[in-house]
């Protein structure tokens, strides 16, 4: 019996090693969102450019939109920004920005320098809206249908492949009423 006790630590190390290997092989951008298929959480937020004007989720109903959570301090947001500018230029979908845990002056400066792809950008100064959306970090993007139901969540910067393979086909489905 004593001869076999040395196997216990070896087996434990192998089991832990397997779980570590398995965890490291997962794509962190493919974390399923419990909100997909559910209504966008209610919120009301000031517009970044016109802070005295408040927009709520009810104001966004009627047409599908992409809600892009971004911040001026976010390096990955700067990487995806040119793609958002192109998407805005093409006019394939309403693009709504949610400026996350940022100073309004920094957000306005960012949009003035980098360009403003958004139909409107809202301010989430304290991050409460982001918390209700289950935001892990910025950027994150939600595709919301005309009735306010979240259809898709993308974690991290959007790439050309993400647009071609997933997001644009979903937008077309929503517009066709599928």
N, C-alpha and C. Protein backbone atom coordinates (compact mmCIF):
# COMPACT_ATOMS: atom_id res chain seq x y z
N UNK A 1 0.82 -1.18 0.00
CA UNK A 1 0.00 0.00 0.00
C UNK A 1 0.87 1.25 0.00
N UNK A 2 1.92 1.26 0.85
CA UNK A 2 2.81 2.41 0.92
C UNK A 2 3.51 2.64 -0.41
N UNK A 3 3.78 1.59 -1.14
CA UNK A 3 4.46 1.71 -2.43
C UNK A 3 3.62 2.47 -3.44
N UNK A 4 2.29 2.42 -3.31
CA UNK A 4 1.40 3.05 -4.29
C UNK A 4 1.00 4.47 -3.90
N UNK A 5 1.31 4.89 -2.67
CA UNK A 5 0.95 6.24 -2.24
C UNK A 5 1.68 7.32 -3.03
N UNK A 6 2.85 7.03 -3.54
CA UNK A 6 3.59 8.02 -4.32
C UNK A 6 2.88 8.35 -5.63
N UNK A 7 1.94 7.50 -6.07
CA UNK A 7 1.20 7.74 -7.31
C UNK A 7 0.16 8.86 -7.15
N UNK A 8 -0.32 9.07 -5.94
CA UNK A 8 -1.38 10.07 -5.72
C UNK A 8 -0.93 11.46 -6.16
N UNK A 9 0.24 11.97 -5.73
CA UNK A 9 0.65 13.30 -6.21
C UNK A 9 0.85 13.34 -7.73
N UNK A 10 1.34 12.27 -8.30
CA UNK A 10 1.55 12.23 -9.76
C UNK A 10 0.22 12.32 -10.48
N UNK A 11 -0.77 11.59 -10.03
CA UNK A 11 -2.11 11.61 -10.64
C UNK A 11 -2.72 13.01 -10.47
N UNK A 12 -2.58 13.60 -9.29
CA UNK A 12 -3.12 14.94 -9.06
C UNK A 12 -2.47 15.97 -9.98
N UNK A 13 -1.17 15.91 -10.15
CA UNK A 13 -0.46 16.83 -11.04
C UNK A 13 -0.93 16.64 -12.49
N UNK A 14 -1.11 15.41 -12.91
CA UNK A 14 -1.59 15.13 -14.27
C UNK A 14 -3.01 15.67 -14.48
N UNK A 15 -3.89 15.48 -13.50
CA UNK A 15 -5.26 15.98 -13.61
C UNK A 15 -5.26 17.50 -13.66
N UNK A 16 -4.53 18.14 -12.76
CA UNK A 16 -4.44 19.61 -12.76
C UNK A 16 -3.81 20.12 -14.06
N UNK A 17 -2.80 19.44 -14.54
CA UNK A 17 -2.16 19.80 -15.81
C UNK A 17 -3.15 19.72 -16.97
N UNK A 18 -3.99 18.69 -16.98
CA UNK A 18 -4.99 18.56 -18.03
C UNK A 18 -5.95 19.75 -18.02
N UNK A 19 -6.47 20.10 -16.83
CA UNK A 19 -7.42 21.21 -16.74
C UNK A 19 -6.76 22.54 -17.10
N UNK A 20 -5.51 22.73 -16.73
CA UNK A 20 -4.78 23.93 -17.10
C UNK A 20 -4.62 23.99 -18.62
N UNK A 21 -4.20 22.90 -19.23
CA UNK A 21 -4.05 22.84 -20.68
C UNK A 21 -5.39 23.13 -21.37
N UNK A 22 -6.45 22.53 -20.87
CA UNK A 22 -7.78 22.72 -21.47
C UNK A 22 -8.23 24.18 -21.34
N UNK A 23 -8.01 24.76 -20.19
CA UNK A 23 -8.40 26.16 -19.98
C UNK A 23 -7.62 27.12 -20.85
N UNK A 24 -6.34 26.87 -21.03
CA UNK A 24 -5.52 27.75 -21.86
C UNK A 24 -5.83 27.62 -23.35
N UNK A 25 -6.44 26.53 -23.74
CA UNK A 25 -6.76 26.33 -25.16
C UNK A 25 -8.09 26.96 -25.55
N UNK A 26 -8.86 27.48 -24.59
CA UNK A 26 -10.15 28.10 -24.89
C UNK A 26 -9.95 29.53 -25.38
N UNK A 27 -10.84 29.99 -26.24
CA UNK A 27 -10.80 31.35 -26.75
C UNK A 27 -11.61 32.24 -25.81
N UNK A 28 -10.98 33.21 -25.14
CA UNK A 28 -11.71 34.04 -24.18
C UNK A 28 -12.78 34.91 -24.83
N UNK A 29 -12.73 35.10 -26.16
CA UNK A 29 -13.76 35.88 -26.84
C UNK A 29 -15.02 35.08 -27.09
N UNK A 30 -14.99 33.80 -26.79
CA UNK A 30 -16.16 32.97 -27.03
C UNK A 30 -16.88 32.62 -25.73
N UNK A 31 -16.85 33.55 -24.79
CA UNK A 31 -17.56 33.37 -23.53
C UNK A 31 -19.04 33.59 -23.83
N UNK A 32 -19.89 32.61 -23.60
CA UNK A 32 -21.30 32.80 -23.92
C UNK A 32 -21.93 33.84 -23.00
N UNK A 33 -22.77 34.67 -23.58
CA UNK A 33 -23.45 35.70 -22.81
C UNK A 33 -24.83 35.20 -22.42
N UNK A 34 -25.19 35.30 -21.15
CA UNK A 34 -26.54 34.90 -20.74
C UNK A 34 -27.60 35.86 -21.27
N UNK A 35 -27.19 37.00 -21.82
CA UNK A 35 -28.15 37.99 -22.32
C UNK A 35 -28.60 37.73 -23.75
N UNK A 36 -27.86 36.93 -24.50
CA UNK A 36 -28.24 36.67 -25.89
C UNK A 36 -29.61 35.96 -25.88
N UNK A 37 -30.53 36.54 -26.65
CA UNK A 37 -31.89 36.02 -26.69
C UNK A 37 -32.82 36.70 -25.71
N UNK A 38 -32.28 37.61 -24.91
CA UNK A 38 -33.08 38.33 -23.92
C UNK A 38 -33.11 39.82 -24.26
N UNK A 39 -34.02 40.53 -23.61
CA UNK A 39 -34.16 41.97 -23.85
C UNK A 39 -32.94 42.72 -23.32
N UNK A 40 -32.58 43.76 -24.04
CA UNK A 40 -31.52 44.66 -23.59
C UNK A 40 -31.93 45.20 -22.22
N UNK A 41 -31.04 45.13 -21.23
CA UNK A 41 -31.39 45.69 -19.91
C UNK A 41 -31.75 47.17 -20.05
N UNK A 42 -32.77 47.59 -19.32
CA UNK A 42 -33.18 48.99 -19.37
C UNK A 42 -32.07 49.90 -18.86
N UNK A 43 -31.86 50.98 -19.57
CA UNK A 43 -30.92 51.99 -19.11
C UNK A 43 -31.32 53.34 -19.68
N UNK A 44 -30.77 54.35 -19.09
CA UNK A 44 -30.92 55.71 -19.54
C UNK A 44 -29.56 56.36 -19.36
N UNK A 45 -29.06 57.01 -20.40
CA UNK A 45 -27.72 57.58 -20.34
C UNK A 45 -27.65 58.89 -21.12
N UNK A 46 -26.78 59.79 -20.68
CA UNK A 46 -26.61 61.04 -21.41
C UNK A 46 -25.81 60.83 -22.69
N UNK A 47 -26.12 61.63 -23.68
CA UNK A 47 -25.32 61.59 -24.91
C UNK A 47 -23.96 62.23 -24.64
N UNK A 48 -22.94 61.71 -25.26
CA UNK A 48 -21.59 62.23 -25.05
C UNK A 48 -21.48 63.67 -25.55
N UNK A 49 -21.99 63.94 -26.75
CA UNK A 49 -21.86 65.28 -27.33
C UNK A 49 -22.88 66.26 -26.79
N UNK A 50 -24.02 65.76 -26.31
CA UNK A 50 -25.08 66.62 -25.78
C UNK A 50 -25.51 66.02 -24.44
N UNK A 51 -24.72 66.22 -23.38
CA UNK A 51 -24.97 65.54 -22.11
C UNK A 51 -26.31 65.87 -21.45
N UNK A 52 -26.92 66.99 -21.83
CA UNK A 52 -28.22 67.31 -21.26
C UNK A 52 -29.34 66.49 -21.91
N UNK A 53 -29.05 65.80 -23.00
CA UNK A 53 -30.04 64.93 -23.66
C UNK A 53 -29.78 63.48 -23.25
N UNK A 54 -30.80 62.86 -22.67
CA UNK A 54 -30.70 61.50 -22.19
C UNK A 54 -31.43 60.55 -23.14
N UNK A 55 -30.82 59.41 -23.40
CA UNK A 55 -31.39 58.39 -24.27
C UNK A 55 -31.62 57.13 -23.44
N UNK A 56 -32.75 56.48 -23.68
CA UNK A 56 -33.06 55.22 -22.97
C UNK A 56 -33.15 54.08 -23.98
N UNK A 57 -33.23 52.89 -23.47
CA UNK A 57 -33.36 51.73 -24.36
C UNK A 57 -34.63 51.83 -25.20
N UNK A 58 -35.68 52.41 -24.66
CA UNK A 58 -36.93 52.56 -25.41
C UNK A 58 -36.74 53.45 -26.64
N UNK A 59 -35.85 54.44 -26.54
CA UNK A 59 -35.57 55.34 -27.67
C UNK A 59 -34.86 54.63 -28.81
N UNK A 60 -34.23 53.49 -28.52
CA UNK A 60 -33.46 52.76 -29.53
C UNK A 60 -34.28 51.71 -30.27
N UNK A 61 -35.52 51.49 -29.84
CA UNK A 61 -36.37 50.48 -30.48
C UNK A 61 -36.78 50.92 -31.88
N UNK A 62 -37.13 49.95 -32.72
CA UNK A 62 -37.65 50.26 -34.05
C UNK A 62 -36.76 49.79 -35.19
N UNK A 63 -35.45 49.81 -34.98
CA UNK A 63 -34.50 49.35 -35.99
C UNK A 63 -33.37 48.61 -35.29
N UNK A 64 -32.80 47.59 -35.96
CA UNK A 64 -31.65 46.90 -35.36
C UNK A 64 -30.47 47.87 -35.20
N UNK A 65 -29.61 47.57 -34.23
CA UNK A 65 -28.42 48.39 -34.05
C UNK A 65 -27.29 47.58 -33.42
N UNK A 66 -26.09 48.06 -33.65
CA UNK A 66 -24.91 47.54 -32.97
C UNK A 66 -24.60 48.50 -31.84
N UNK A 67 -24.52 47.98 -30.62
CA UNK A 67 -24.10 48.77 -29.48
C UNK A 67 -22.65 48.43 -29.21
N UNK A 68 -21.78 49.40 -29.48
CA UNK A 68 -20.34 49.20 -29.32
C UNK A 68 -19.87 49.90 -28.05
N UNK A 69 -19.35 49.12 -27.10
CA UNK A 69 -18.84 49.67 -25.85
C UNK A 69 -17.37 50.01 -26.07
N UNK A 70 -16.99 51.25 -25.83
CA UNK A 70 -15.65 51.73 -26.14
C UNK A 70 -15.20 52.73 -25.08
N UNK A 71 -13.91 53.06 -25.13
CA UNK A 71 -13.36 54.09 -24.24
C UNK A 71 -12.15 54.73 -24.92
N UNK A 72 -11.89 55.97 -24.59
CA UNK A 72 -10.76 56.67 -25.21
C UNK A 72 -9.42 56.09 -24.74
N UNK A 73 -9.38 55.50 -23.56
CA UNK A 73 -8.15 54.93 -23.00
C UNK A 73 -7.89 53.50 -23.48
N UNK A 74 -8.78 52.95 -24.28
CA UNK A 74 -8.72 51.55 -24.70
C UNK A 74 -7.91 51.40 -26.00
N UNK A 75 -6.80 50.69 -25.92
CA UNK A 75 -5.93 50.47 -27.08
C UNK A 75 -6.66 49.64 -28.14
N UNK A 76 -7.35 48.58 -27.74
CA UNK A 76 -8.06 47.73 -28.70
C UNK A 76 -9.19 48.49 -29.40
N UNK A 77 -9.77 49.47 -28.71
CA UNK A 77 -10.82 50.30 -29.33
C UNK A 77 -10.23 51.11 -30.49
N UNK A 78 -9.02 51.57 -30.30
CA UNK A 78 -8.34 52.31 -31.37
C UNK A 78 -8.07 51.40 -32.57
N UNK A 79 -7.79 50.12 -32.30
CA UNK A 79 -7.53 49.17 -33.38
C UNK A 79 -8.79 48.92 -34.20
N UNK A 80 -9.94 48.79 -33.55
CA UNK A 80 -11.17 48.48 -34.29
C UNK A 80 -11.84 49.73 -34.87
N UNK A 81 -11.44 50.91 -34.42
CA UNK A 81 -12.12 52.15 -34.81
C UNK A 81 -12.17 52.38 -36.33
N UNK A 82 -11.08 52.17 -37.08
CA UNK A 82 -11.18 52.37 -38.53
C UNK A 82 -12.22 51.46 -39.19
N UNK A 83 -12.37 50.26 -38.67
CA UNK A 83 -13.38 49.34 -39.20
C UNK A 83 -14.79 49.85 -38.89
N UNK A 84 -14.98 50.41 -37.70
CA UNK A 84 -16.28 51.00 -37.36
C UNK A 84 -16.57 52.21 -38.24
N UNK A 85 -15.54 52.99 -38.55
CA UNK A 85 -15.72 54.13 -39.45
C UNK A 85 -16.18 53.66 -40.82
N UNK A 86 -15.58 52.59 -41.31
CA UNK A 86 -15.97 52.03 -42.61
C UNK A 86 -17.39 51.47 -42.56
N UNK A 87 -17.71 50.77 -41.49
CA UNK A 87 -19.07 50.22 -41.33
C UNK A 87 -20.10 51.35 -41.31
N UNK A 88 -19.77 52.42 -40.63
CA UNK A 88 -20.66 53.59 -40.58
C UNK A 88 -20.83 54.20 -41.97
N UNK A 89 -19.74 54.30 -42.70
CA UNK A 89 -19.78 54.87 -44.06
C UNK A 89 -20.67 54.04 -44.97
N UNK A 90 -20.63 52.72 -44.81
CA UNK A 90 -21.44 51.83 -45.65
C UNK A 90 -22.92 51.90 -45.28
N UNK A 91 -23.22 52.30 -44.05
CA UNK A 91 -24.61 52.48 -43.63
C UNK A 91 -25.40 51.19 -43.53
N UNK A 92 -24.76 50.08 -43.25
CA UNK A 92 -25.46 48.79 -43.19
C UNK A 92 -26.25 48.58 -41.91
N UNK A 93 -25.90 49.32 -40.86
CA UNK A 93 -26.58 49.15 -39.59
C UNK A 93 -26.38 50.41 -38.76
N UNK A 94 -27.34 50.69 -37.89
CA UNK A 94 -27.18 51.79 -36.93
C UNK A 94 -26.07 51.42 -35.97
N UNK A 95 -25.20 52.34 -35.71
CA UNK A 95 -24.09 52.12 -34.80
C UNK A 95 -24.25 53.08 -33.63
N UNK A 96 -24.45 52.50 -32.44
CA UNK A 96 -24.63 53.28 -31.21
C UNK A 96 -23.40 53.02 -30.34
N UNK A 97 -22.78 54.06 -29.86
CA UNK A 97 -21.62 53.91 -28.99
C UNK A 97 -22.02 54.02 -27.53
N UNK A 98 -21.33 53.30 -26.68
CA UNK A 98 -21.48 53.44 -25.23
C UNK A 98 -20.09 53.65 -24.67
N UNK A 99 -19.81 54.89 -24.31
CA UNK A 99 -18.51 55.26 -23.79
C UNK A 99 -18.43 54.82 -22.33
N UNK A 100 -17.50 53.90 -22.04
CA UNK A 100 -17.45 53.17 -20.78
C UNK A 100 -16.37 53.70 -19.84
N UNK A 101 -16.80 54.14 -18.64
CA UNK A 101 -15.88 54.58 -17.58
C UNK A 101 -14.81 55.54 -18.11
N UNK A 102 -15.28 56.59 -18.74
CA UNK A 102 -14.40 57.53 -19.40
C UNK A 102 -14.84 58.95 -19.04
N UNK A 103 -13.94 59.90 -19.12
CA UNK A 103 -14.31 61.30 -18.96
C UNK A 103 -14.94 61.77 -20.26
N UNK A 104 -16.01 62.54 -20.14
CA UNK A 104 -16.70 63.03 -21.33
C UNK A 104 -15.76 63.84 -22.22
N UNK A 105 -14.91 64.66 -21.65
CA UNK A 105 -13.99 65.47 -22.46
C UNK A 105 -13.01 64.59 -23.24
N UNK A 106 -12.57 63.50 -22.62
CA UNK A 106 -11.66 62.57 -23.32
C UNK A 106 -12.40 61.86 -24.45
N UNK A 107 -13.66 61.50 -24.21
CA UNK A 107 -14.45 60.83 -25.25
C UNK A 107 -14.68 61.75 -26.45
N UNK A 108 -15.04 62.99 -26.16
CA UNK A 108 -15.27 63.97 -27.24
C UNK A 108 -13.99 64.20 -28.03
N UNK A 109 -12.86 64.30 -27.34
CA UNK A 109 -11.57 64.50 -28.00
C UNK A 109 -11.23 63.29 -28.89
N UNK A 110 -11.45 62.07 -28.36
CA UNK A 110 -11.19 60.84 -29.11
C UNK A 110 -12.00 60.83 -30.41
N UNK A 111 -13.30 61.10 -30.31
CA UNK A 111 -14.17 61.08 -31.50
C UNK A 111 -13.81 62.21 -32.47
N UNK A 112 -13.37 63.34 -31.94
CA UNK A 112 -12.96 64.45 -32.80
C UNK A 112 -11.68 64.13 -33.56
N UNK A 113 -10.78 63.40 -32.92
CA UNK A 113 -9.50 63.05 -33.53
C UNK A 113 -9.61 61.84 -34.45
N UNK A 114 -10.26 60.78 -33.97
CA UNK A 114 -10.32 59.51 -34.70
C UNK A 114 -11.48 59.45 -35.69
N UNK A 115 -12.46 60.32 -35.53
CA UNK A 115 -13.67 60.26 -36.34
C UNK A 115 -14.79 59.67 -35.50
N UNK A 116 -16.01 60.02 -35.85
CA UNK A 116 -17.17 59.57 -35.08
C UNK A 116 -18.06 58.68 -35.94
N UNK A 117 -17.98 57.36 -35.75
CA UNK A 117 -18.78 56.45 -36.56
C UNK A 117 -20.21 56.27 -36.05
N UNK A 118 -20.49 56.82 -34.87
CA UNK A 118 -21.74 56.51 -34.18
C UNK A 118 -22.88 57.45 -34.56
N UNK A 119 -24.06 56.88 -34.68
CA UNK A 119 -25.27 57.69 -34.82
C UNK A 119 -25.40 58.56 -33.57
N UNK A 120 -25.09 57.96 -32.44
CA UNK A 120 -24.99 58.68 -31.18
C UNK A 120 -24.12 57.85 -30.25
N UNK A 121 -23.46 58.54 -29.34
CA UNK A 121 -22.66 57.85 -28.35
C UNK A 121 -23.15 58.29 -26.98
N UNK A 122 -23.35 57.31 -26.12
CA UNK A 122 -23.89 57.55 -24.79
C UNK A 122 -22.77 57.40 -23.76
N UNK A 123 -22.92 58.05 -22.62
CA UNK A 123 -21.90 57.99 -21.59
C UNK A 123 -22.29 57.06 -20.44
N UNK A 124 -21.40 56.15 -20.10
CA UNK A 124 -21.58 55.26 -18.95
C UNK A 124 -20.42 55.55 -17.99
N UNK A 125 -20.50 56.70 -17.34
CA UNK A 125 -19.39 57.20 -16.53
C UNK A 125 -19.01 56.27 -15.38
N UNK A 126 -20.01 55.71 -14.70
CA UNK A 126 -19.72 54.86 -13.54
C UNK A 126 -19.69 53.38 -13.87
N UNK A 127 -19.99 53.01 -15.10
CA UNK A 127 -19.91 51.61 -15.52
C UNK A 127 -21.11 50.76 -15.17
N UNK A 128 -22.17 51.36 -14.66
CA UNK A 128 -23.35 50.56 -14.25
C UNK A 128 -24.06 49.89 -15.43
N UNK A 129 -24.13 50.60 -16.54
CA UNK A 129 -24.76 50.00 -17.72
C UNK A 129 -23.92 48.81 -18.17
N UNK A 130 -22.61 49.00 -18.21
CA UNK A 130 -21.70 47.91 -18.57
C UNK A 130 -21.85 46.71 -17.66
N UNK A 131 -21.99 46.96 -16.37
CA UNK A 131 -22.19 45.86 -15.41
C UNK A 131 -23.46 45.10 -15.74
N UNK A 132 -24.55 45.83 -16.02
CA UNK A 132 -25.82 45.18 -16.36
C UNK A 132 -25.75 44.39 -17.66
N UNK A 133 -24.83 44.80 -18.55
CA UNK A 133 -24.64 44.09 -19.81
C UNK A 133 -23.64 42.93 -19.67
N UNK A 134 -23.00 42.83 -18.53
CA UNK A 134 -22.01 41.76 -18.33
C UNK A 134 -20.71 42.03 -19.08
N UNK A 135 -20.35 43.31 -19.21
CA UNK A 135 -19.14 43.68 -19.93
C UNK A 135 -17.91 43.21 -19.15
N UNK A 136 -17.03 42.48 -19.84
CA UNK A 136 -15.79 42.00 -19.25
C UNK A 136 -14.69 43.03 -19.42
N UNK A 137 -14.74 43.75 -20.50
CA UNK A 137 -13.75 44.76 -20.83
C UNK A 137 -14.12 45.38 -22.16
N UNK A 138 -13.43 46.43 -22.52
CA UNK A 138 -13.75 47.09 -23.79
C UNK A 138 -12.69 46.73 -24.82
N UNK A 139 -13.05 46.67 -26.07
CA UNK A 139 -14.39 46.86 -26.62
C UNK A 139 -15.23 45.57 -26.56
N UNK A 140 -16.51 45.77 -26.49
CA UNK A 140 -17.48 44.70 -26.65
C UNK A 140 -18.61 45.27 -27.50
N UNK A 141 -19.24 44.41 -28.27
CA UNK A 141 -20.28 44.86 -29.18
C UNK A 141 -21.47 43.91 -29.13
N UNK A 142 -22.66 44.50 -29.07
CA UNK A 142 -23.91 43.74 -29.03
C UNK A 142 -24.71 44.07 -30.29
N UNK A 143 -25.27 43.04 -30.91
CA UNK A 143 -26.22 43.24 -32.00
C UNK A 143 -27.61 43.09 -31.40
N UNK A 144 -28.43 44.13 -31.55
CA UNK A 144 -29.75 44.18 -30.93
C UNK A 144 -30.79 44.34 -32.03
N UNK A 145 -31.85 43.54 -31.97
CA UNK A 145 -32.88 43.64 -33.01
C UNK A 145 -33.82 44.82 -32.76
N UNK A 146 -34.76 45.02 -33.66
CA UNK A 146 -35.65 46.19 -33.60
C UNK A 146 -36.56 46.18 -32.38
N UNK A 147 -36.74 45.02 -31.77
CA UNK A 147 -37.59 44.90 -30.57
C UNK A 147 -36.78 45.00 -29.28
N UNK A 148 -35.47 45.18 -29.41
CA UNK A 148 -34.63 45.32 -28.22
C UNK A 148 -34.09 44.02 -27.68
N UNK A 149 -34.12 42.95 -28.49
CA UNK A 149 -33.60 41.65 -28.07
C UNK A 149 -32.14 41.52 -28.52
N UNK A 150 -31.27 41.14 -27.61
CA UNK A 150 -29.86 40.96 -27.94
C UNK A 150 -29.72 39.67 -28.74
N UNK A 151 -29.17 39.78 -29.93
CA UNK A 151 -29.02 38.62 -30.82
C UNK A 151 -27.61 38.07 -30.85
N UNK A 152 -26.63 38.91 -30.50
CA UNK A 152 -25.24 38.47 -30.60
C UNK A 152 -24.38 39.38 -29.74
N UNK A 153 -23.33 38.80 -29.15
CA UNK A 153 -22.35 39.57 -28.39
C UNK A 153 -20.96 39.21 -28.89
N UNK A 154 -20.17 40.25 -29.15
CA UNK A 154 -18.79 40.05 -29.59
C UNK A 154 -17.87 40.67 -28.54
N UNK A 155 -16.95 39.87 -28.02
CA UNK A 155 -15.98 40.35 -27.03
C UNK A 155 -14.67 40.65 -27.74
N UNK A 156 -14.12 41.82 -27.46
CA UNK A 156 -12.85 42.21 -28.08
C UNK A 156 -13.09 43.03 -29.33
N UNK A 157 -11.99 43.46 -29.96
CA UNK A 157 -12.15 44.28 -31.17
C UNK A 157 -12.74 43.47 -32.33
N UNK A 158 -13.62 44.11 -33.05
CA UNK A 158 -14.21 43.49 -34.23
C UNK A 158 -13.17 43.51 -35.35
N UNK A 159 -13.06 42.39 -36.05
CA UNK A 159 -12.16 42.31 -37.20
C UNK A 159 -12.97 42.16 -38.48
N UNK A 160 -12.30 42.28 -39.60
CA UNK A 160 -12.95 42.15 -40.91
C UNK A 160 -13.66 40.80 -41.02
N UNK A 161 -12.99 39.74 -40.58
CA UNK A 161 -13.56 38.40 -40.64
C UNK A 161 -14.82 38.30 -39.78
N UNK A 162 -14.81 38.91 -38.61
CA UNK A 162 -15.98 38.91 -37.73
C UNK A 162 -17.17 39.56 -38.43
N UNK A 163 -16.90 40.66 -39.12
CA UNK A 163 -17.97 41.35 -39.85
C UNK A 163 -18.51 40.49 -40.98
N UNK A 164 -17.60 39.96 -41.81
CA UNK A 164 -18.01 39.18 -42.99
C UNK A 164 -18.74 37.90 -42.63
N UNK A 165 -18.20 37.17 -41.67
CA UNK A 165 -18.70 35.82 -41.39
C UNK A 165 -19.89 35.82 -40.44
N UNK A 166 -19.90 36.74 -39.47
CA UNK A 166 -20.93 36.66 -38.43
C UNK A 166 -21.85 37.87 -38.40
N UNK A 167 -21.29 39.05 -38.21
CA UNK A 167 -22.11 40.22 -37.91
C UNK A 167 -22.97 40.68 -39.08
N UNK A 168 -22.39 40.86 -40.26
CA UNK A 168 -23.18 41.33 -41.40
C UNK A 168 -24.26 40.32 -41.81
N UNK A 169 -23.97 39.01 -41.85
CA UNK A 169 -25.05 38.07 -42.12
C UNK A 169 -26.20 38.13 -41.09
N UNK A 170 -25.85 38.32 -39.81
CA UNK A 170 -26.90 38.46 -38.79
C UNK A 170 -27.72 39.73 -39.00
N UNK A 171 -27.04 40.82 -39.38
CA UNK A 171 -27.75 42.07 -39.65
C UNK A 171 -28.73 41.87 -40.81
N UNK A 172 -28.28 41.21 -41.85
CA UNK A 172 -29.14 40.96 -43.01
C UNK A 172 -30.36 40.10 -42.64
N UNK A 173 -30.14 39.12 -41.77
CA UNK A 173 -31.25 38.29 -41.28
C UNK A 173 -32.26 39.15 -40.52
N UNK A 174 -31.76 40.03 -39.66
CA UNK A 174 -32.65 40.88 -38.88
C UNK A 174 -33.45 41.82 -39.78
N UNK A 175 -32.79 42.37 -40.77
CA UNK A 175 -33.47 43.29 -41.69
C UNK A 175 -34.50 42.56 -42.55
N UNK A 176 -34.23 41.29 -42.87
CA UNK A 176 -35.17 40.50 -43.67
C UNK A 176 -36.31 39.95 -42.81
N UNK A 177 -36.17 40.11 -41.49
CA UNK A 177 -37.22 39.62 -40.59
C UNK A 177 -37.20 38.13 -40.36
N UNK A 178 -36.03 37.51 -40.55
CA UNK A 178 -35.90 36.07 -40.37
C UNK A 178 -35.86 35.74 -38.90
